[in-house]
Amino acid sequence: MIYYTETEAIYKKFASELHEILEDYREQVGEYPDYVTKELGHFQSFANAVLWFCAEFVAQELTQGIYEDEIA
């Protein structure tokens, strides 16, 4: 997931699942992430932002935040 061509291909393959994750986040927080919505006018940037947001969101859920203490 380094190049836009890669993230765009993954987005196209899993768009439905990615948008479900975005919707789960919106239901929890009350809004979509700013860095995702600001890319709405450019598909490659939007697909990249959605994919990376979802990757980070799922990683956070899988680890239940146990690494947050190490970062702080």
PDB file of N, CA and C in Angstrom:
ATOM      1  N   MET A   1       0.832  -1.185   0.000  1.00  0.00           N
ATOM      2  CA  MET A   1       0.000   0.000   0.000  1.00  0.00           C
ATOM      3  C   MET A   1       0.877   1.249   0.000  1.00  0.00           C
ATOM      4  N   ILE A   2       1.721   1.332  -0.992  1.00  0.00           N
ATOM      5  CA  ILE A   2       2.624   2.465  -1.063  1.00  0.00           C
ATOM      6  C   ILE A   2       2.181   3.456  -2.134  1.00  0.00           C
ATOM      7  N   TYR A   3       1.868   2.969  -3.305  1.00  0.00           N
ATOM      8  CA  TYR A   3       1.556   3.841  -4.433  1.00  0.00           C
ATOM      9  C   TYR A   3       0.044   3.990  -4.601  1.00  0.00           C
ATOM     10  N   TYR A   4      -0.351   5.134  -5.150  1.00  0.00           N
ATOM     11  CA  TYR A   4      -1.782   5.372  -5.391  1.00  0.00           C
ATOM     12  C   TYR A   4      -2.393   4.286  -6.261  1.00  0.00           C
ATOM     13  N   THR A   5      -1.665   3.770  -7.213  1.00  0.00           N
ATOM     14  CA  THR A   5      -2.215   2.713  -8.065  1.00  0.00           C
ATOM     15  C   THR A   5      -2.559   1.477  -7.235  1.00  0.00           C
ATOM     16  N   GLU A   6      -1.745   1.197  -6.220  1.00  0.00           N
ATOM     17  CA  GLU A   6      -2.019   0.054  -5.337  1.00  0.00           C
ATOM     18  C   GLU A   6      -3.230   0.314  -4.455  1.00  0.00           C
ATOM     19  N   THR A   7      -3.256   1.488  -3.832  1.00  0.00           N
ATOM     20  CA  THR A   7      -4.380   1.766  -2.923  1.00  0.00           C
ATOM     21  C   THR A   7      -5.684   1.902  -3.703  1.00  0.00           C
ATOM     22  N   GLU A   8      -5.611   2.442  -4.916  1.00  0.00           N
ATOM     23  CA  GLU A   8      -6.810   2.566  -5.736  1.00  0.00           C
ATOM     24  C   GLU A   8      -7.355   1.186  -6.114  1.00  0.00           C
ATOM     25  N   ALA A   9      -6.476   0.268  -6.464  1.00  0.00           N
ATOM     26  CA  ALA A   9      -6.899  -1.089  -6.821  1.00  0.00           C
ATOM     27  C   ALA A   9      -7.537  -1.798  -5.628  1.00  0.00           C
ATOM     28  N   ILE A  10      -6.949  -1.644  -4.461  1.00  0.00           N
ATOM     29  CA  ILE A  10      -7.507  -2.263  -3.253  1.00  0.00           C
ATOM     30  C   ILE A  10      -8.846  -1.619  -2.917  1.00  0.00           C
ATOM     31  N   TYR A  11      -8.922  -0.300  -3.046  1.00  0.00           N
ATOM     32  CA  TYR A  11     -10.188   0.400  -2.789  1.00  0.00           C
ATOM     33  C   TYR A  11     -11.281  -0.135  -3.711  1.00  0.00           C
ATOM     34  N   LYS A  12     -10.983  -0.253  -4.991  1.00  0.00           N
ATOM     35  CA  LYS A  12     -11.987  -0.727  -5.947  1.00  0.00           C
ATOM     36  C   LYS A  12     -12.441  -2.146  -5.620  1.00  0.00           C
ATOM     37  N   LYS A  13     -11.536  -2.973  -5.170  1.00  0.00           N
ATOM     38  CA  LYS A  13     -11.870  -4.365  -4.853  1.00  0.00           C
ATOM     39  C   LYS A  13     -12.718  -4.474  -3.579  1.00  0.00           C
ATOM     40  N   PHE A  14     -12.448  -3.606  -2.590  1.00  0.00           N
ATOM     41  CA  PHE A  14     -13.105  -3.723  -1.292  1.00  0.00           C
ATOM     42  C   PHE A  14     -13.921  -2.484  -0.908  1.00  0.00           C
ATOM     43  N   ALA A  15     -14.382  -1.719  -1.896  1.00  0.00           N
ATOM     44  CA  ALA A  15     -15.084  -0.459  -1.618  1.00  0.00           C
ATOM     45  C   ALA A  15     -16.255  -0.639  -0.659  1.00  0.00           C
ATOM     46  N   SER A  16     -17.043  -1.655  -0.848  1.00  0.00           N
ATOM     47  CA  SER A  16     -18.210  -1.874   0.007  1.00  0.00           C
ATOM     48  C   SER A  16     -17.796  -2.085   1.461  1.00  0.00           C
ATOM     49  N   GLU A  17     -16.817  -2.927   1.672  1.00  0.00           N
ATOM     50  CA  GLU A  17     -16.338  -3.204   3.031  1.00  0.00           C
ATOM     51  C   GLU A  17     -15.695  -1.970   3.659  1.00  0.00           C
ATOM     52  N   LEU A  18     -14.938  -1.225   2.860  1.00  0.00           N
ATOM     53  CA  LEU A  18     -14.287  -0.024   3.368  1.00  0.00           C
ATOM     54  C   LEU A  18     -15.318   1.022   3.795  1.00  0.00           C
ATOM     55  N   HIS A  19     -16.369   1.147   3.014  1.00  0.00           N
ATOM     56  CA  HIS A  19     -17.406   2.120   3.370  1.00  0.00           C
ATOM     57  C   HIS A  19     -18.216   1.670   4.585  1.00  0.00           C
ATOM     58  N   GLU A  20     -18.320   0.376   4.798  1.00  0.00           N
ATOM     59  CA  GLU A  20     -18.944  -0.116   6.031  1.00  0.00           C
ATOM     60  C   GLU A  20     -18.103   0.294   7.240  1.00  0.00           C
ATOM     61  N   ILE A  21     -16.800   0.185   7.129  1.00  0.00           N
ATOM     62  CA  ILE A  21     -15.908   0.595   8.217  1.00  0.00           C
ATOM     63  C   ILE A  21     -16.029   2.090   8.456  1.00  0.00           C
ATOM     64  N   LEU A  22     -16.054   2.871   7.381  1.00  0.00           N
ATOM     65  CA  LEU A  22     -16.240   4.324   7.522  1.00  0.00           C
ATOM     66  C   LEU A  22     -17.552   4.645   8.230  1.00  0.00           C
ATOM     67  N   GLU A  23     -18.592   3.938   7.861  1.00  0.00           N
ATOM     68  CA  GLU A  23     -19.899   4.171   8.482  1.00  0.00           C
ATOM     69  C   GLU A  23     -19.877   3.779   9.958  1.00  0.00           C
ATOM     70  N   ASP A  24     -19.207   2.698  10.305  1.00  0.00           N
ATOM     71  CA  ASP A  24     -19.068   2.315  11.712  1.00  0.00           C
ATOM     72  C   ASP A  24     -18.379   3.427  12.498  1.00  0.00           C
ATOM     73  N   TYR A  25     -17.332   3.981  11.919  1.00  0.00           N
ATOM     74  CA  TYR A  25     -16.618   5.087  12.568  1.00  0.00           C
ATOM     75  C   TYR A  25     -17.546   6.289  12.749  1.00  0.00           C
ATOM     76  N   ARG A  26     -18.273   6.628  11.684  1.00  0.00           N
ATOM     77  CA  ARG A  26     -19.172   7.779  11.758  1.00  0.00           C
ATOM     78  C   ARG A  26     -20.233   7.585  12.839  1.00  0.00           C
ATOM     79  N   GLU A  27     -20.734   6.380  12.976  1.00  0.00           N
ATOM     80  CA  GLU A  27     -21.731   6.101  14.011  1.00  0.00           C
ATOM     81  C   GLU A  27     -21.129   6.248  15.407  1.00  0.00           C
ATOM     82  N   GLN A  28     -19.866   5.895  15.570  1.00  0.00           N
ATOM     83  CA  GLN A  28     -19.203   6.006  16.869  1.00  0.00           C
ATOM     84  C   GLN A  28     -18.825   7.443  17.211  1.00  0.00           C
ATOM     85  N   VAL A  29     -18.362   8.184  16.212  1.00  0.00           N
ATOM     86  CA  VAL A  29     -17.791   9.514  16.452  1.00  0.00           C
ATOM     87  C   VAL A  29     -18.760  10.641  16.097  1.00  0.00           C
ATOM     88  N   GLY A  30     -19.642  10.387  15.155  1.00  0.00           N
ATOM     89  CA  GLY A  30     -20.603  11.404  14.757  1.00  0.00           C
ATOM     90  C   GLY A  30     -20.266  12.119  13.458  1.00  0.00           C
ATOM     91  N   GLU A  31     -19.099  11.843  12.898  1.00  0.00           N
ATOM     92  CA  GLU A  31     -18.714  12.439  11.620  1.00  0.00           C
ATOM     93  C   GLU A  31     -17.633  11.587  10.979  1.00  0.00           C
ATOM     94  N   TYR A  32     -17.421  11.832   9.695  1.00  0.00           N
ATOM     95  CA  TYR A  32     -16.350  11.128   8.987  1.00  0.00           C
ATOM     96  C   TYR A  32     -15.021  11.818   9.272  1.00  0.00           C
ATOM     97  N   PRO A  33     -13.914  11.117   9.148  1.00  0.00           N
ATOM     98  CA  PRO A  33     -12.610  11.747   9.374  1.00  0.00           C
ATOM     99  C   PRO A  33     -12.374  12.876   8.373  1.00  0.00           C
ATOM    100  N   ASP A  34     -11.877  13.998   8.868  1.00  0.00           N
ATOM    101  CA  ASP A  34     -11.633  15.162   8.010  1.00  0.00           C
ATOM    102  C   ASP A  34     -10.674  14.852   6.871  1.00  0.00           C
ATOM    103  N   TYR A  35      -9.617  14.107   7.168  1.00  0.00           N
ATOM    104  CA  TYR A  35      -8.631  13.866   6.117  1.00  0.00           C
ATOM    105  C   TYR A  35      -9.173  12.961   5.016  1.00  0.00           C
ATOM    106  N   VAL A  36     -10.299  12.295   5.253  1.00  0.00           N
ATOM    107  CA  VAL A  36     -10.956  11.524   4.198  1.00  0.00           C
ATOM    108  C   VAL A  36     -11.894  12.433   3.408  1.00  0.00           C
ATOM    109  N   THR A  37     -12.721  13.190   4.107  1.00  0.00           N
ATOM    110  CA  THR A  37     -13.710  14.020   3.409  1.00  0.00           C
ATOM    111  C   THR A  37     -13.080  15.140   2.601  1.00  0.00           C
ATOM    112  N   LYS A  38     -11.920  15.619   3.003  1.00  0.00           N
ATOM    113  CA  LYS A  38     -11.292  16.702   2.236  1.00  0.00           C
ATOM    114  C   LYS A  38     -10.789  16.228   0.874  1.00  0.00           C
ATOM    115  N   GLU A  39     -10.728  14.920   0.668  1.00  0.00           N
ATOM    116  CA  GLU A  39     -10.255  14.355  -0.596  1.00  0.00           C
ATOM    117  C   GLU A  39     -11.396  13.973  -1.537  1.00  0.00           C
ATOM    118  N   LEU A  40     -12.622  14.370  -1.227  1.00  0.00           N
ATOM    119  CA  LEU A  40     -13.774  13.960  -2.030  1.00  0.00           C
ATOM    120  C   LEU A  40     -13.683  14.381  -3.494  1.00  0.00           C
ATOM    121  N   GLY A  41     -12.973  15.433  -3.818  1.00  0.00           N
ATOM    122  CA  GLY A  41     -12.902  15.898  -5.196  1.00  0.00           C
ATOM    123  C   GLY A  41     -11.880  15.201  -6.068  1.00  0.00           C
ATOM    124  N   HIS A  42     -11.072  14.330  -5.485  1.00  0.00           N
ATOM    125  CA  HIS A  42     -10.017  13.669  -6.253  1.00  0.00           C
ATOM    126  C   HIS A  42     -10.024  12.179  -5.901  1.00  0.00           C
ATOM    127  N   PHE A  43     -10.409  11.351  -6.875  1.00  0.00           N
ATOM    128  CA  PHE A  43     -10.638   9.940  -6.575  1.00  0.00           C
ATOM    129  C   PHE A  43      -9.420   9.225  -6.013  1.00  0.00           C
ATOM    130  N   GLN A  44      -8.251   9.385  -6.636  1.00  0.00           N
ATOM    131  CA  GLN A  44      -7.068   8.654  -6.153  1.00  0.00           C
ATOM    132  C   GLN A  44      -6.734   9.025  -4.717  1.00  0.00           C
ATOM    133  N   SER A  45      -6.770  10.300  -4.409  1.00  0.00           N
ATOM    134  CA  SER A  45      -6.469  10.742  -3.044  1.00  0.00           C
ATOM    135  C   SER A  45      -7.534  10.259  -2.070  1.00  0.00           C
ATOM    136  N   PHE A  46      -8.798  10.289  -2.509  1.00  0.00           N
ATOM    137  CA  PHE A  46      -9.889   9.819  -1.655  1.00  0.00           C
ATOM    138  C   PHE A  46      -9.742   8.331  -1.380  1.00  0.00           C
ATOM    139  N   ALA A  47      -9.508   7.544  -2.427  1.00  0.00           N
ATOM    140  CA  ALA A  47      -9.352   6.096  -2.260  1.00  0.00           C
ATOM    141  C   ALA A  47      -8.188   5.795  -1.321  1.00  0.00           C
ATOM    142  N   ASN A  48      -7.091   6.515  -1.483  1.00  0.00           N
ATOM    143  CA  ASN A  48      -5.930   6.341  -0.623  1.00  0.00           C
ATOM    144  C   ASN A  48      -6.268   6.677   0.831  1.00  0.00           C
ATOM    145  N   ALA A  49      -6.943   7.792   1.044  1.00  0.00           N
ATOM    146  CA  ALA A  49      -7.302   8.208   2.404  1.00  0.00           C
ATOM    147  C   ALA A  49      -8.252   7.212   3.056  1.00  0.00           C
ATOM    148  N   VAL A  50      -9.237   6.745   2.303  1.00  0.00           N
ATOM    149  CA  VAL A  50     -10.191   5.762   2.840  1.00  0.00           C
ATOM    150  C   VAL A  50      -9.471   4.484   3.226  1.00  0.00           C
ATOM    151  N   LEU A  51      -8.636   3.992   2.337  1.00  0.00           N
ATOM    152  CA  LEU A  51      -7.934   2.736   2.600  1.00  0.00           C
ATOM    153  C   LEU A  51      -7.043   2.840   3.832  1.00  0.00           C
ATOM    154  N   TRP A  52      -6.263   3.915   3.916  1.00  0.00           N
ATOM    155  CA  TRP A  52      -5.378   4.065   5.063  1.00  0.00           C
ATOM    156  C   TRP A  52      -6.149   4.296   6.356  1.00  0.00           C
ATOM    157  N   PHE A  53      -7.220   5.069   6.284  1.00  0.00           N
ATOM    158  CA  PHE A  53      -8.034   5.256   7.486  1.00  0.00           C
ATOM    159  C   PHE A  53      -8.560   3.909   7.973  1.00  0.00           C
ATOM    160  N   CYS A  54      -9.115   3.123   7.063  1.00  0.00           N
ATOM    161  CA  CYS A  54      -9.691   1.834   7.450  1.00  0.00           C
ATOM    162  C   CYS A  54      -8.629   0.882   7.989  1.00  0.00           C
ATOM    163  N   ALA A  55      -7.461   0.878   7.390  1.00  0.00           N
ATOM    164  CA  ALA A  55      -6.376   0.030   7.886  1.00  0.00           C
ATOM    165  C   ALA A  55      -6.025   0.407   9.324  1.00  0.00           C
ATOM    166  N   GLU A  56      -5.922   1.703   9.581  1.00  0.00           N
ATOM    167  CA  GLU A  56      -5.594   2.161  10.933  1.00  0.00           C
ATOM    168  C   GLU A  56      -6.732   1.885  11.917  1.00  0.00           C
ATOM    169  N   PHE A  57      -7.959   2.071  11.466  1.00  0.00           N
ATOM    170  CA  PHE A  57      -9.124   1.848  12.321  1.00  0.00           C
ATOM    171  C   PHE A  57      -9.230   0.370  12.711  1.00  0.00           C
ATOM    172  N   VAL A  58      -9.073  -0.514  11.748  1.00  0.00           N
ATOM    173  CA  VAL A  58      -9.149  -1.956  12.025  1.00  0.00           C
ATOM    174  C   VAL A  58      -7.988  -2.383  12.917  1.00  0.00           C
ATOM    175  N   ALA A  59      -6.793  -1.874  12.658  1.00  0.00           N
ATOM    176  CA  ALA A  59      -5.640  -2.210  13.508  1.00  0.00           C
ATOM    177  C   ALA A  59      -5.893  -1.771  14.946  1.00  0.00           C
ATOM    178  N   GLN A  60      -6.476  -0.595  15.109  1.00  0.00           N
ATOM    179  CA  GLN A  60      -6.805  -0.092  16.449  1.00  0.00           C
ATOM    180  C   GLN A  60      -7.799  -1.023  17.142  1.00  0.00           C
ATOM    181  N   GLU A  61      -8.817  -1.451  16.406  1.00  0.00           N
ATOM    182  CA  GLU A  61      -9.804  -2.354  17.000  1.00  0.00           C
ATOM    183  C   GLU A  61      -9.199  -3.714  17.335  1.00  0.00           C
ATOM    184  N   LEU A  62      -8.357  -4.233  16.449  1.00  0.00           N
ATOM    185  CA  LEU A  62      -7.752  -5.546  16.686  1.00  0.00           C
ATOM    186  C   LEU A  62      -6.813  -5.546  17.882  1.00  0.00           C
ATOM    187  N   THR A  63      -6.099  -4.466  18.063  1.00  0.00           N
ATOM    188  CA  THR A  63      -5.170  -4.385  19.188  1.00  0.00           C
ATOM    189  C   THR A  63      -5.826  -3.797  20.429  1.00  0.00           C
ATOM    190  N   GLN A  64      -7.055  -3.354  20.284  1.00  0.00           N
ATOM    191  CA  GLN A  64      -7.812  -2.741  21.383  1.00  0.00           C
ATOM    192  C   GLN A  64      -7.029  -1.600  22.023  1.00  0.00           C
ATOM    193  N   GLY A  65      -6.229  -0.934  21.202  1.00  0.00           N
ATOM    194  CA  GLY A  65      -5.497   0.225  21.682  1.00  0.00           C
ATOM    195  C   GLY A  65      -4.316  -0.082  22.579  1.00  0.00           C
ATOM    196  N   ILE A  66      -3.874  -1.339  22.647  1.00  0.00           N
ATOM    197  CA  ILE A  66      -2.823  -1.682  23.606  1.00  0.00           C
ATOM    198  C   ILE A  66      -1.498  -1.003  23.293  1.00  0.00           C
ATOM    199  N   TYR A  67      -1.326  -0.533  22.060  1.00  0.00           N
ATOM    200  CA  TYR A  67      -0.068   0.135  21.704  1.00  0.00           C
ATOM    201  C   TYR A  67      -0.097   1.637  21.951  1.00  0.00           C
ATOM    202  N   GLU A  68      -1.259   2.189  22.260  1.00  0.00           N
ATOM    203  CA  GLU A  68      -1.353   3.624  22.503  1.00  0.00           C
ATOM    204  C   GLU A  68      -0.467   4.050  23.670  1.00  0.00           C
ATOM    205  N   ASP A  69      -0.391   3.231  24.704  1.00  0.00           N
ATOM    206  CA  ASP A  69       0.433   3.565  25.879  1.00  0.00           C
ATOM    207  C   ASP A  69       1.906   3.648  25.501  1.00  0.00           C
ATOM    208  N   GLU A  70       2.339   2.824  24.555  1.00  0.00           N
ATOM    209  CA  GLU A  70       3.730   2.835  24.137  1.00  0.00           C
ATOM    210  C   GLU A  70       4.075   4.087  23.350  1.00  0.00           C
ATOM    211  N   ILE A  71       3.115   4.636  22.628  1.00  0.00           N
ATOM    212  CA  ILE A  71       3.344   5.834  21.818  1.00  0.00           C
ATOM    213  C   ILE A  71       3.377   7.079  22.675  1.00  0.00           C
ATOM    214  N   ALA A  72       2.528   7.132  23.671  1.00  0.00           N
ATOM    215  CA  ALA A  72       2.394   8.339  24.498  1.00  0.00           C
ATOM    216  C   ALA A  72       3.591   8.558  25.399  1.00  0.00           C
TER     217      ALA A  72
END
